[in-house]
Amino acid sequence: MYNYEDALLAQGFENIAGCDEVGRGPLAGPLVVAAVILDPKKKIVGLSDSKKLSAKKRHQLSNEIYKHAKNVACAIISVDEVDTLNVYQASKTGMYRAIEKLENADYVLSDAMVLDALSLPHQALIKGDNLSASIAAASIIAKVKRDALMVELAEKYPNYGFAKHKGYPTKQHLKALREHGVSAVHRKSFKPVKKLIETQMKLDV
């Protein structure tokens, strides 16, 4: 998992940032992007794609990342921004914001996203969260952060089950949408939500 970072360190780069997003697929809630600069002298064992890890393992690794990494930054992209920009552009915008917060990065590894407007040298890695420790660390930080935000939203909007499915289009979530309608934190540009709004508008006419 450290092969890319080790190769870049050998080339003279000192602060290699990994960047990843979480939350492109959900029908509700924000998109969360994280950027992490790991300390090569304090390598963390067990880093992997956050989706492959249990919640308990993610929290454990998240604590280790915050403790041992050189720098960690997060950017939260609101539902309104996702709807306005589209989820792809929102993800890219979030990566730029998270990297900018780091300030001291001198190279960026991103998960699949080509960051063409970035002034720093960078490389997009397909399935980067399985190949790069830095990207995997960013994936874990973003996932833990977003899950916590969705638990908070579950308290504010108790009818939808956000704490369980985190806004993804599960059967439970789709059923709740039909029964309770669209909330303020649903992504109105996403097909199931958009379709429900259009159906309701026809009924209201």
C-alpha atoms as a PDB file:
ATOM      1  CA  MET A   1       0.000   0.000   0.000  1.00  0.00           C
ATOM      2  CA  TYR A   2       2.996   2.326   0.399  1.00  0.00           C
ATOM      3  CA  ASN A   3       4.649   1.624  -2.968  1.00  0.00           C
ATOM      4  CA  TYR A   4       3.472   4.842  -4.626  1.00  0.00           C
ATOM      5  CA  GLU A   5       4.372   6.947  -1.598  1.00  0.00           C
ATOM      6  CA  ASP A   6       7.805   5.321  -1.265  1.00  0.00           C
ATOM      7  CA  ALA A   7       8.558   5.900  -4.965  1.00  0.00           C
ATOM      8  CA  LEU A   8       7.591   9.571  -4.695  1.00  0.00           C
ATOM      9  CA  LEU A   9       9.633  10.012  -1.515  1.00  0.00           C
ATOM     10  CA  ALA A  10      12.617   8.595  -3.406  1.00  0.00           C
ATOM     11  CA  GLN A  11      12.051  11.283  -6.060  1.00  0.00           C
ATOM     12  CA  GLY A  12      12.336  13.991  -3.413  1.00  0.00           C
ATOM     13  CA  PHE A  13       8.702  14.731  -2.572  1.00  0.00           C
ATOM     14  CA  GLU A  14       8.130  15.173   1.155  1.00  0.00           C
ATOM     15  CA  ASN A  15       4.403  15.788   1.687  1.00  0.00           C
ATOM     16  CA  ILE A  16       2.399  13.383  -0.451  1.00  0.00           C
ATOM     17  CA  ALA A  17      -1.339  13.859  -0.067  1.00  0.00           C
ATOM     18  CA  GLY A  18      -3.881  11.150  -0.744  1.00  0.00           C
ATOM     19  CA  CYS A  19      -7.375  12.347  -1.608  1.00  0.00           C
ATOM     20  CA  ASP A  20     -10.710  10.519  -1.771  1.00  0.00           C
ATOM     21  CA  GLU A  21     -14.435  11.177  -1.481  1.00  0.00           C
ATOM     22  CA  VAL A  22     -17.295   9.324   0.140  1.00  0.00           C
ATOM     23  CA  GLY A  23     -20.972   9.708  -0.613  1.00  0.00           C
ATOM     24  CA  ARG A  24     -21.424   9.906  -4.373  1.00  0.00           C
ATOM     25  CA  GLY A  25     -24.139   7.241  -4.417  1.00  0.00           C
ATOM     26  CA  PRO A  26     -26.534   8.255  -1.612  1.00  0.00           C
ATOM     27  CA  LEU A  27     -29.853   9.979  -2.242  1.00  0.00           C
ATOM     28  CA  ALA A  28     -29.421  12.185   0.810  1.00  0.00           C
ATOM     29  CA  GLY A  29     -26.787  13.953   2.833  1.00  0.00           C
ATOM     30  CA  PRO A  30     -23.561  15.737   1.944  1.00  0.00           C
ATOM     31  CA  LEU A  31     -20.548  14.542   0.038  1.00  0.00           C
ATOM     32  CA  VAL A  32     -17.394  14.344   2.172  1.00  0.00           C
ATOM     33  CA  VAL A  33     -13.863  14.593   0.798  1.00  0.00           C
ATOM     34  CA  ALA A  34     -10.686  14.035   2.780  1.00  0.00           C
ATOM     35  CA  ALA A  35      -7.026  14.655   2.048  1.00  0.00           C
ATOM     36  CA  VAL A  36      -4.301  13.061   4.158  1.00  0.00           C
ATOM     37  CA  ILE A  37      -0.527  13.402   4.293  1.00  0.00           C
ATOM     38  CA  LEU A  38       0.855  10.346   6.063  1.00  0.00           C
ATOM     39  CA  ASP A  39       4.124  10.368   7.970  1.00  0.00           C
ATOM     40  CA  PRO A  40       6.516   7.919   6.256  1.00  0.00           C
ATOM     41  CA  LYS A  41       8.242   7.384   9.590  1.00  0.00           C
ATOM     42  CA  LYS A  42       4.982   6.258  11.217  1.00  0.00           C
ATOM     43  CA  LYS A  43       3.420   3.803   8.801  1.00  0.00           C
ATOM     44  CA  ILE A  44      -0.067   2.616   9.701  1.00  0.00           C
ATOM     45  CA  VAL A  45      -0.835  -1.084   9.273  1.00  0.00           C
ATOM     46  CA  GLY A  46      -4.182  -2.216   7.867  1.00  0.00           C
ATOM     47  CA  LEU A  47      -5.071   0.715   5.606  1.00  0.00           C
ATOM     48  CA  SER A  48      -7.486  -0.267   2.860  1.00  0.00           C
ATOM     49  CA  ASP A  49     -10.550   0.886   0.957  1.00  0.00           C
ATOM     50  CA  SER A  50     -12.979   2.043   3.667  1.00  0.00           C
ATOM     51  CA  LYS A  51     -15.807  -0.002   2.097  1.00  0.00           C
ATOM     52  CA  LYS A  52     -13.880  -3.201   2.835  1.00  0.00           C
ATOM     53  CA  LEU A  53     -13.485  -2.438   6.536  1.00  0.00           C
ATOM     54  CA  SER A  54     -15.899  -2.879   9.416  1.00  0.00           C
ATOM     55  CA  ALA A  55     -17.156   0.245  11.177  1.00  0.00           C
ATOM     56  CA  LYS A  56     -15.096  -0.708  14.232  1.00  0.00           C
ATOM     57  CA  LYS A  57     -11.915  -1.075  12.159  1.00  0.00           C
ATOM     58  CA  ARG A  58     -12.573   2.216  10.357  1.00  0.00           C
ATOM     59  CA  HIS A  59     -12.875   4.064  13.665  1.00  0.00           C
ATOM     60  CA  GLN A  60      -9.699   2.451  14.979  1.00  0.00           C
ATOM     61  CA  LEU A  61      -7.754   3.393  11.849  1.00  0.00           C
ATOM     62  CA  SER A  62      -9.290   6.867  11.769  1.00  0.00           C
ATOM     63  CA  ASN A  63      -7.945   7.505  15.274  1.00  0.00           C
ATOM     64  CA  GLU A  64      -4.501   6.250  14.228  1.00  0.00           C
ATOM     65  CA  ILE A  65      -4.515   8.464  11.125  1.00  0.00           C
ATOM     66  CA  TYR A  66      -5.388  11.586  13.124  1.00  0.00           C
ATOM     67  CA  LYS A  67      -2.729  10.666  15.680  1.00  0.00           C
ATOM     68  CA  HIS A  68       0.145   9.812  13.315  1.00  0.00           C
ATOM     69  CA  ALA A  69      -0.475  11.617  10.011  1.00  0.00           C
ATOM     70  CA  LYS A  70       1.353  14.840   9.179  1.00  0.00           C
ATOM     71  CA  ASN A  71      -1.867  16.529   8.136  1.00  0.00           C
ATOM     72  CA  VAL A  72      -5.570  15.715   7.692  1.00  0.00           C
ATOM     73  CA  ALA A  73      -8.227  17.905   6.072  1.00  0.00           C
ATOM     74  CA  CYS A  74     -11.887  17.457   5.177  1.00  0.00           C
ATOM     75  CA  ALA A  75     -14.251  19.301   2.861  1.00  0.00           C
ATOM     76  CA  ILE A  76     -18.013  18.915   3.124  1.00  0.00           C
ATOM     77  CA  ILE A  77     -20.033  19.509  -0.035  1.00  0.00           C
ATOM     78  CA  SER A  78     -23.641  20.334   0.735  1.00  0.00           C
ATOM     79  CA  VAL A  79     -26.701  18.749  -0.855  1.00  0.00           C
ATOM     80  CA  ASP A  80     -27.416  22.030  -2.649  1.00  0.00           C
ATOM     81  CA  GLU A  81     -23.917  22.063  -4.172  1.00  0.00           C
ATOM     82  CA  VAL A  82     -24.264  18.440  -5.281  1.00  0.00           C
ATOM     83  CA  ASP A  83     -27.558  19.290  -6.987  1.00  0.00           C
ATOM     84  CA  THR A  84     -26.156  22.444  -8.583  1.00  0.00           C
ATOM     85  CA  LEU A  85     -22.792  21.131  -9.752  1.00  0.00           C
ATOM     86  CA  ASN A  86     -23.676  17.423 -10.332  1.00  0.00           C
ATOM     87  CA  VAL A  87     -22.039  14.799  -8.159  1.00  0.00           C
ATOM     88  CA  TYR A  88     -18.910  14.375 -10.332  1.00  0.00           C
ATOM     89  CA  GLN A  89     -18.060  18.072 -10.324  1.00  0.00           C
ATOM     90  CA  ALA A  90     -18.988  18.293  -6.649  1.00  0.00           C
ATOM     91  CA  SER A  91     -16.473  15.527  -5.893  1.00  0.00           C
ATOM     92  CA  LYS A  92     -13.767  17.354  -7.828  1.00  0.00           C
ATOM     93  CA  THR A  93     -14.577  20.646  -6.093  1.00  0.00           C
ATOM     94  CA  GLY A  94     -14.353  18.899  -2.735  1.00  0.00           C
ATOM     95  CA  MET A  95     -10.930  17.497  -3.576  1.00  0.00           C
ATOM     96  CA  TYR A  96      -9.605  20.946  -4.470  1.00  0.00           C
ATOM     97  CA  ARG A  97     -10.975  22.357  -1.205  1.00  0.00           C
ATOM     98  CA  ALA A  98      -9.547  19.564   0.951  1.00  0.00           C
ATOM     99  CA  ILE A  99      -6.112  19.791  -0.695  1.00  0.00           C
ATOM    100  CA  GLU A 100      -6.104  23.580  -0.277  1.00  0.00           C
ATOM    101  CA  LYS A 101      -6.768  23.141   3.451  1.00  0.00           C
ATOM    102  CA  LEU A 102      -3.637  20.989   3.766  1.00  0.00           C
ATOM    103  CA  GLU A 103      -1.453  23.935   2.639  1.00  0.00           C
ATOM    104  CA  ASN A 104       1.848  22.030   2.640  1.00  0.00           C
ATOM    105  CA  ALA A 105       1.221  19.218   0.105  1.00  0.00           C
ATOM    106  CA  ASP A 106       3.823  18.940  -2.667  1.00  0.00           C
ATOM    107  CA  TYR A 107       2.304  15.976  -4.542  1.00  0.00           C
ATOM    108  CA  VAL A 108      -1.253  14.632  -4.737  1.00  0.00           C
ATOM    109  CA  LEU A 109      -2.533  11.103  -5.339  1.00  0.00           C
ATOM    110  CA  SER A 110      -6.274  11.046  -6.044  1.00  0.00           C
ATOM    111  CA  ASP A 111      -8.724   8.185  -6.339  1.00  0.00           C
ATOM    112  CA  ALA A 112      -9.597   8.074 -10.061  1.00  0.00           C
ATOM    113  CA  MET A 113     -10.326  11.822 -10.276  1.00  0.00           C
ATOM    114  CA  VAL A 114      -8.069  13.776 -12.651  1.00  0.00           C
ATOM    115  CA  LEU A 115      -7.470  17.134 -10.959  1.00  0.00           C
ATOM    116  CA  ASP A 116      -6.608  19.118 -14.064  1.00  0.00           C
ATOM    117  CA  ALA A 117      -6.821  22.544 -12.382  1.00  0.00           C
ATOM    118  CA  LEU A 118      -4.406  21.600  -9.608  1.00  0.00           C
ATOM    119  CA  SER A 119      -1.093  23.471  -9.702  1.00  0.00           C
ATOM    120  CA  LEU A 120       0.694  20.708  -7.785  1.00  0.00           C
ATOM    121  CA  PRO A 121       2.072  17.597  -9.504  1.00  0.00           C
ATOM    122  CA  HIS A 122      -0.511  14.875  -9.185  1.00  0.00           C
ATOM    123  CA  GLN A 123      -1.614  11.432 -10.319  1.00  0.00           C
ATOM    124  CA  ALA A 124      -5.050   9.844 -10.494  1.00  0.00           C
ATOM    125  CA  LEU A 125      -5.083   6.141  -9.596  1.00  0.00           C
ATOM    126  CA  ILE A 126      -7.968   3.896 -10.639  1.00  0.00           C
ATOM    127  CA  LYS A 127      -9.141   2.092  -7.489  1.00  0.00           C
ATOM    128  CA  GLY A 128      -6.537   4.147  -5.668  1.00  0.00           C
ATOM    129  CA  ASP A 129      -7.966   3.281  -2.257  1.00  0.00           C
ATOM    130  CA  ASN A 130      -6.750  -0.280  -2.892  1.00  0.00           C
ATOM    131  CA  LEU A 131      -3.317   0.828  -4.145  1.00  0.00           C
ATOM    132  CA  SER A 132      -2.190   3.797  -2.088  1.00  0.00           C
ATOM    133  CA  ALA A 133      -1.973   4.081   1.694  1.00  0.00           C
ATOM    134  CA  SER A 134      -2.584   7.839   1.519  1.00  0.00           C
ATOM    135  CA  ILE A 135      -5.730   7.492  -0.581  1.00  0.00           C
ATOM    136  CA  ALA A 136      -6.978   4.649   1.640  1.00  0.00           C
ATOM    137  CA  ALA A 137      -6.408   6.857   4.693  1.00  0.00           C
ATOM    138  CA  ALA A 138      -8.410   9.652   3.057  1.00  0.00           C
ATOM    139  CA  SER A 139     -11.173   7.175   2.242  1.00  0.00           C
ATOM    140  CA  ILE A 140     -11.367   6.084   5.885  1.00  0.00           C
ATOM    141  CA  ILE A 141     -11.383   9.645   7.244  1.00  0.00           C
ATOM    142  CA  ALA A 142     -14.106  10.701   4.798  1.00  0.00           C
ATOM    143  CA  LYS A 143     -16.237   7.617   5.502  1.00  0.00           C
ATOM    144  CA  VAL A 144     -16.090   7.996   9.294  1.00  0.00           C
ATOM    145  CA  LYS A 145     -16.838  11.710   9.006  1.00  0.00           C
ATOM    146  CA  ARG A 146     -19.788  11.231   6.650  1.00  0.00           C
ATOM    147  CA  ASP A 147     -21.287   8.377   8.678  1.00  0.00           C
ATOM    148  CA  ALA A 148     -21.192  10.595  11.781  1.00  0.00           C
ATOM    149  CA  LEU A 149     -22.941  13.391   9.882  1.00  0.00           C
ATOM    150  CA  MET A 150     -25.662  10.999   8.723  1.00  0.00           C
ATOM    151  CA  VAL A 151     -26.245   9.825  12.309  1.00  0.00           C
ATOM    152  CA  GLU A 152     -26.744  13.481  13.246  1.00  0.00           C
ATOM    153  CA  LEU A 153     -29.192  13.929  10.372  1.00  0.00           C
ATOM    154  CA  ALA A 154     -31.066  10.823  11.559  1.00  0.00           C
ATOM    155  CA  GLU A 155     -31.880  12.651  14.785  1.00  0.00           C
ATOM    156  CA  LYS A 156     -33.163  15.678  12.886  1.00  0.00           C
ATOM    157  CA  TYR A 157     -35.069  13.605  10.300  1.00  0.00           C
ATOM    158  CA  PRO A 158     -36.068  10.426  12.188  1.00  0.00           C
ATOM    159  CA  ASN A 159     -38.435   9.042   9.540  1.00  0.00           C
ATOM    160  CA  TYR A 160     -35.823   7.978   7.006  1.00  0.00           C
ATOM    161  CA  GLY A 161     -33.393   5.641   8.787  1.00  0.00           C
ATOM    162  CA  PHE A 162     -30.278   7.637   7.883  1.00  0.00           C
ATOM    163  CA  ALA A 163     -28.316   6.165  10.797  1.00  0.00           C
ATOM    164  CA  LYS A 164     -28.687   2.702   9.285  1.00  0.00           C
ATOM    165  CA  HIS A 165     -28.310   3.180   5.525  1.00  0.00           C
ATOM    166  CA  LYS A 166     -26.455   6.539   5.528  1.00  0.00           C
ATOM    167  CA  GLY A 167     -28.647   7.872   2.730  1.00  0.00           C
ATOM    168  CA  TYR A 168     -27.982   5.101   0.209  1.00  0.00           C
ATOM    169  CA  PRO A 169     -30.964   3.895  -1.870  1.00  0.00           C
ATOM    170  CA  THR A 170     -31.898   0.828   0.177  1.00  0.00           C
ATOM    171  CA  LYS A 171     -35.394  -0.653   0.159  1.00  0.00           C
ATOM    172  CA  GLN A 172     -35.971   0.872   3.598  1.00  0.00           C
ATOM    173  CA  HIS A 173     -34.918   4.317   2.403  1.00  0.00           C
ATOM    174  CA  LEU A 174     -37.017   4.210  -0.788  1.00  0.00           C
ATOM    175  CA  LYS A 175     -40.041   3.070   1.227  1.00  0.00           C
ATOM    176  CA  ALA A 176     -39.544   5.943   3.690  1.00  0.00           C
ATOM    177  CA  LEU A 177     -39.248   8.389   0.805  1.00  0.00           C
ATOM    178  CA  ARG A 178     -42.588   7.250  -0.606  1.00  0.00           C
ATOM    179  CA  GLU A 179     -44.265   7.415   2.795  1.00  0.00           C
ATOM    180  CA  HIS A 180     -42.801  10.668   4.125  1.00  0.00           C
ATOM    181  CA  GLY A 181     -41.817  12.575   0.996  1.00  0.00           C
ATOM    182  CA  VAL A 182     -38.611  14.419   0.200  1.00  0.00           C
ATOM    183  CA  SER A 183     -36.731  16.091   3.065  1.00  0.00           C
ATOM    184  CA  ALA A 184     -34.497  19.161   2.927  1.00  0.00           C
ATOM    185  CA  VAL A 185     -31.402  16.924   2.897  1.00  0.00           C
ATOM    186  CA  HIS A 186     -32.399  14.793  -0.090  1.00  0.00           C
ATOM    187  CA  ARG A 187     -30.598  15.313  -3.398  1.00  0.00           C
ATOM    188  CA  LYS A 188     -33.314  16.575  -5.690  1.00  0.00           C
ATOM    189  CA  SER A 189     -31.296  15.966  -8.867  1.00  0.00           C
ATOM    190  CA  PHE A 190     -30.981  12.225  -8.158  1.00  0.00           C
ATOM    191  CA  LYS A 191     -33.416  10.125 -10.170  1.00  0.00           C
ATOM    192  CA  PRO A 192     -35.555   8.431  -7.440  1.00  0.00           C
ATOM    193  CA  VAL A 193     -35.942  11.735  -5.579  1.00  0.00           C
ATOM    194  CA  LYS A 194     -36.545  13.757  -8.734  1.00  0.00           C
ATOM    195  CA  LYS A 195     -39.154  11.252  -9.913  1.00  0.00           C
ATOM    196  CA  LEU A 196     -40.966  11.430  -6.580  1.00  0.00           C
ATOM    197  CA  ILE A 197     -41.043  15.243  -6.718  1.00  0.00           C
ATOM    198  CA  GLU A 198     -42.417  15.158 -10.268  1.00  0.00           C
ATOM    199  CA  THR A 199     -45.101  12.645  -9.261  1.00  0.00           C
ATOM    200  CA  GLN A 200     -46.126  14.807  -6.301  1.00  0.00           C
ATOM    201  CA  MET A 201     -46.299  17.902  -8.523  1.00  0.00           C
ATOM    202  CA  LYS A 202     -48.683  16.089 -10.902  1.00  0.00           C
ATOM    203  CA  LEU A 203     -50.869  15.074  -7.987  1.00  0.00           C
ATOM    204  CA  ASP A 204     -50.961  18.635  -6.715  1.00  0.00           C
ATOM    205  CA  VAL A 205     -52.132  20.052 -10.053  1.00  0.00           C
END
